[in-house]
Amino acid sequence: MSVKLTKKQTAVYDFIKSFIEEHNYSPSYRDIVAGLGLSSVSAVAEHVENLVRLGALRKNPGEARSLEIVDITYPETTQLFKFRMQLATDAEKEILSRAANILGLELEEEDEEGNEETN
């Protein structure tokens, strides 16, 4: 995951994602409070606002149950970078690696033994 989330943000993000997958609509803040045992609706609102600011969620202001999950792994961009790395010269690979780092893309993959390898 290229966006760094706190443990609570990850819990809220994962709960929202699971809720949407199960119900086909987003949870209310009260659903999130009940589902995660958080202290208050305002605590949930703060976590949601931070997730929106980080780009992990989208929401339509003034619209109930409008939370949308954003794929924060950027799969299409990561795939394009990996493809270009295969064709690049050493100098181009250095530039692409720096650009990927700035964008927060993870270009490393794990092999069968769980070790990271760069393509």
C-alpha atoms as a PDB file:
ATOM      1  CA  MET A   1       0.000   0.000   0.000  1.00  0.00           C
ATOM      2  CA  SER A   2       1.566   3.276  -1.019  1.00  0.00           C
ATOM      3  CA  VAL A   3      -0.488   5.501   1.298  1.00  0.00           C
ATOM      4  CA  LYS A   4       0.596   5.067   4.907  1.00  0.00           C
ATOM      5  CA  LEU A   5      -2.385   4.661   7.217  1.00  0.00           C
ATOM      6  CA  THR A   6      -2.480   4.454  10.999  1.00  0.00           C
ATOM      7  CA  LYS A   7      -3.879   1.300  12.622  1.00  0.00           C
ATOM      8  CA  LYS A   8      -7.222   3.029  13.314  1.00  0.00           C
ATOM      9  CA  GLN A   9      -7.384   4.426   9.758  1.00  0.00           C
ATOM     10  CA  THR A  10      -6.665   0.954   8.389  1.00  0.00           C
ATOM     11  CA  ALA A  11      -9.405  -0.518  10.580  1.00  0.00           C
ATOM     12  CA  VAL A  12     -11.910   2.127   9.415  1.00  0.00           C
ATOM     13  CA  TYR A  13     -10.849   1.704   5.750  1.00  0.00           C
ATOM     14  CA  ASP A  14     -11.120  -2.109   5.938  1.00  0.00           C
ATOM     15  CA  PHE A  15     -14.491  -1.933   7.726  1.00  0.00           C
ATOM     16  CA  ILE A  16     -15.916   0.436   5.093  1.00  0.00           C
ATOM     17  CA  LYS A  17     -14.564  -1.740   2.274  1.00  0.00           C
ATOM     18  CA  SER A  18     -16.054  -4.931   3.776  1.00  0.00           C
ATOM     19  CA  PHE A  19     -19.371  -3.224   4.538  1.00  0.00           C
ATOM     20  CA  ILE A  20     -19.704  -1.969   0.951  1.00  0.00           C
ATOM     21  CA  GLU A  21     -18.836  -5.410  -0.445  1.00  0.00           C
ATOM     22  CA  GLU A  22     -21.442  -7.039   1.790  1.00  0.00           C
ATOM     23  CA  HIS A  23     -24.281  -4.486   1.524  1.00  0.00           C
ATOM     24  CA  ASN A  24     -23.628  -2.716  -1.813  1.00  0.00           C
ATOM     25  CA  TYR A  25     -23.825   0.686  -0.102  1.00  0.00           C
ATOM     26  CA  SER A  26     -21.538   2.517   2.283  1.00  0.00           C
ATOM     27  CA  PRO A  27     -21.971   2.462   6.054  1.00  0.00           C
ATOM     28  CA  SER A  28     -23.203   5.377   8.120  1.00  0.00           C
ATOM     29  CA  TYR A  29     -20.833   6.814  10.695  1.00  0.00           C
ATOM     30  CA  ARG A  30     -22.977   5.127  13.372  1.00  0.00           C
ATOM     31  CA  ASP A  31     -22.517   1.776  11.571  1.00  0.00           C
ATOM     32  CA  ILE A  32     -18.751   2.296  11.745  1.00  0.00           C
ATOM     33  CA  VAL A  33     -18.902   3.238  15.463  1.00  0.00           C
ATOM     34  CA  ALA A  34     -20.914   0.086  16.217  1.00  0.00           C
ATOM     35  CA  GLY A  35     -18.857  -2.148  13.937  1.00  0.00           C
ATOM     36  CA  LEU A  36     -15.487  -1.111  15.327  1.00  0.00           C
ATOM     37  CA  GLY A  37     -16.450  -0.242  18.887  1.00  0.00           C
ATOM     38  CA  LEU A  38     -15.120   3.292  18.544  1.00  0.00           C
ATOM     39  CA  SER A  39     -15.912   5.970  21.099  1.00  0.00           C
ATOM     40  CA  SER A  40     -17.981   8.435  19.096  1.00  0.00           C
ATOM     41  CA  VAL A  41     -19.328   9.530  15.746  1.00  0.00           C
ATOM     42  CA  SER A  42     -16.972  12.510  15.826  1.00  0.00           C
ATOM     43  CA  ALA A  43     -13.978  10.134  16.107  1.00  0.00           C
ATOM     44  CA  VAL A  44     -15.230   8.288  13.016  1.00  0.00           C
ATOM     45  CA  ALA A  45     -15.790  11.584  11.195  1.00  0.00           C
ATOM     46  CA  GLU A  46     -12.196  12.591  11.920  1.00  0.00           C
ATOM     47  CA  HIS A  47     -10.827   9.275  10.624  1.00  0.00           C
ATOM     48  CA  VAL A  48     -13.013   9.483   7.501  1.00  0.00           C
ATOM     49  CA  GLU A  49     -11.914  13.064   6.794  1.00  0.00           C
ATOM     50  CA  ASN A  50      -8.267  12.026   7.125  1.00  0.00           C
ATOM     51  CA  LEU A  51      -8.833   9.070   4.772  1.00  0.00           C
ATOM     52  CA  VAL A  52     -10.455  11.425   2.244  1.00  0.00           C
ATOM     53  CA  ARG A  53      -7.524  13.843   2.575  1.00  0.00           C
ATOM     54  CA  LEU A  54      -5.063  10.966   2.020  1.00  0.00           C
ATOM     55  CA  GLY A  55      -6.962   9.863  -1.082  1.00  0.00           C
ATOM     56  CA  ALA A  56      -8.050   6.484   0.326  1.00  0.00           C
ATOM     57  CA  LEU A  57     -11.754   7.432   0.343  1.00  0.00           C
ATOM     58  CA  ARG A  58     -14.029   9.674  -1.675  1.00  0.00           C
ATOM     59  CA  LYS A  59     -17.267  11.152  -0.431  1.00  0.00           C
ATOM     60  CA  ASN A  60     -19.921  13.461  -1.792  1.00  0.00           C
ATOM     61  CA  PRO A  61     -20.452  16.339   0.637  1.00  0.00           C
ATOM     62  CA  GLY A  62     -23.995  16.626   1.924  1.00  0.00           C
ATOM     63  CA  GLU A  63     -24.954  13.167   0.673  1.00  0.00           C
ATOM     64  CA  ALA A  64     -25.652  10.327   3.108  1.00  0.00           C
ATOM     65  CA  ARG A  65     -23.794   7.020   2.732  1.00  0.00           C
ATOM     66  CA  SER A  66     -21.621   8.399  -0.051  1.00  0.00           C
ATOM     67  CA  LEU A  67     -18.255   6.911   0.959  1.00  0.00           C
ATOM     68  CA  GLU A  68     -16.346   5.223  -1.848  1.00  0.00           C
ATOM     69  CA  ILE A  69     -13.181   3.168  -1.533  1.00  0.00           C
ATOM     70  CA  VAL A  70     -10.247   4.319  -3.667  1.00  0.00           C
ATOM     71  CA  ASP A  71      -7.744   1.657  -4.737  1.00  0.00           C
ATOM     72  CA  ILE A  72      -4.640   3.134  -3.133  1.00  0.00           C
ATOM     73  CA  THR A  73      -2.297   0.610  -4.729  1.00  0.00           C
ATOM     74  CA  TYR A  74      -2.563   2.340  -8.144  1.00  0.00           C
ATOM     75  CA  PRO A  75      -2.448  -0.978 -10.047  1.00  0.00           C
ATOM     76  CA  GLU A  76      -2.557   0.434 -13.597  1.00  0.00           C
ATOM     77  CA  THR A  77       0.218   2.954 -12.957  1.00  0.00           C
ATOM     78  CA  THR A  78       2.346   0.380 -11.147  1.00  0.00           C
ATOM     79  CA  GLN A  79       1.898  -2.077 -14.022  1.00  0.00           C
ATOM     80  CA  LEU A  80       2.935   0.588 -16.545  1.00  0.00           C
ATOM     81  CA  PHE A  81       6.044   1.476 -14.528  1.00  0.00           C
ATOM     82  CA  LYS A  82       7.025  -2.209 -14.276  1.00  0.00           C
ATOM     83  CA  PHE A  83       6.601  -2.658 -18.031  1.00  0.00           C
ATOM     84  CA  ARG A  84       8.688   0.445 -18.796  1.00  0.00           C
ATOM     85  CA  MET A  85      11.400  -0.743 -16.380  1.00  0.00           C
ATOM     86  CA  GLN A  86      11.835  -3.901 -18.467  1.00  0.00           C
ATOM     87  CA  LEU A  87      12.590  -1.820 -21.571  1.00  0.00           C
ATOM     88  CA  ALA A  88      14.565   0.980 -19.930  1.00  0.00           C
ATOM     89  CA  THR A  89      18.276   1.673 -19.986  1.00  0.00           C
ATOM     90  CA  ASP A  90      20.085   1.853 -16.642  1.00  0.00           C
ATOM     91  CA  ALA A  91      19.808   5.652 -16.630  1.00  0.00           C
ATOM     92  CA  GLU A  92      16.090   5.476 -17.426  1.00  0.00           C
ATOM     93  CA  LYS A  93      15.569   2.855 -14.701  1.00  0.00           C
ATOM     94  CA  GLU A  94      17.101   5.245 -12.171  1.00  0.00           C
ATOM     95  CA  ILE A  95      14.725   8.022 -13.264  1.00  0.00           C
ATOM     96  CA  LEU A  96      11.711   5.695 -13.245  1.00  0.00           C
ATOM     97  CA  SER A  97      12.650   4.391  -9.789  1.00  0.00           C
ATOM     98  CA  ARG A  98      12.894   7.920  -8.408  1.00  0.00           C
ATOM     99  CA  ALA A  99       9.567   8.876 -10.007  1.00  0.00           C
ATOM    100  CA  ALA A 100       7.890   5.755  -8.601  1.00  0.00           C
ATOM    101  CA  ASN A 101       9.270   6.571  -5.160  1.00  0.00           C
ATOM    102  CA  ILE A 102       7.922  10.134  -5.345  1.00  0.00           C
ATOM    103  CA  LEU A 103       4.506   8.796  -6.389  1.00  0.00           C
ATOM    104  CA  GLY A 104       4.552   6.152  -3.666  1.00  0.00           C
ATOM    105  CA  LEU A 105       4.367   3.222  -6.080  1.00  0.00           C
ATOM    106  CA  GLU A 106       5.643  -0.149  -4.935  1.00  0.00           C
ATOM    107  CA  LEU A 107       7.528  -1.744  -7.824  1.00  0.00           C
ATOM    108  CA  GLU A 108       8.925  -4.661  -5.843  1.00  0.00           C
ATOM    109  CA  GLU A 109       7.287  -8.070  -5.991  1.00  0.00           C
ATOM    110  CA  GLU A 110       7.686 -11.054  -3.728  1.00  0.00           C
ATOM    111  CA  ASP A 111       9.062 -14.305  -5.111  1.00  0.00           C
ATOM    112  CA  GLU A 112       7.745 -17.744  -4.065  1.00  0.00           C
ATOM    113  CA  GLU A 113       9.807 -17.628  -0.852  1.00  0.00           C
ATOM    114  CA  GLY A 114       8.439 -14.229   0.242  1.00  0.00           C
ATOM    115  CA  ASN A 115      11.584 -12.287  -0.678  1.00  0.00           C
ATOM    116  CA  GLU A 116      11.197  -8.945  -2.416  1.00  0.00           C
ATOM    117  CA  GLU A 117      12.631  -8.597  -5.877  1.00  0.00           C
ATOM    118  CA  THR A 118      12.703  -5.553  -8.136  1.00  0.00           C
ATOM    119  CA  ASN A 119      11.616  -5.840 -11.766  1.00  0.00           C
END
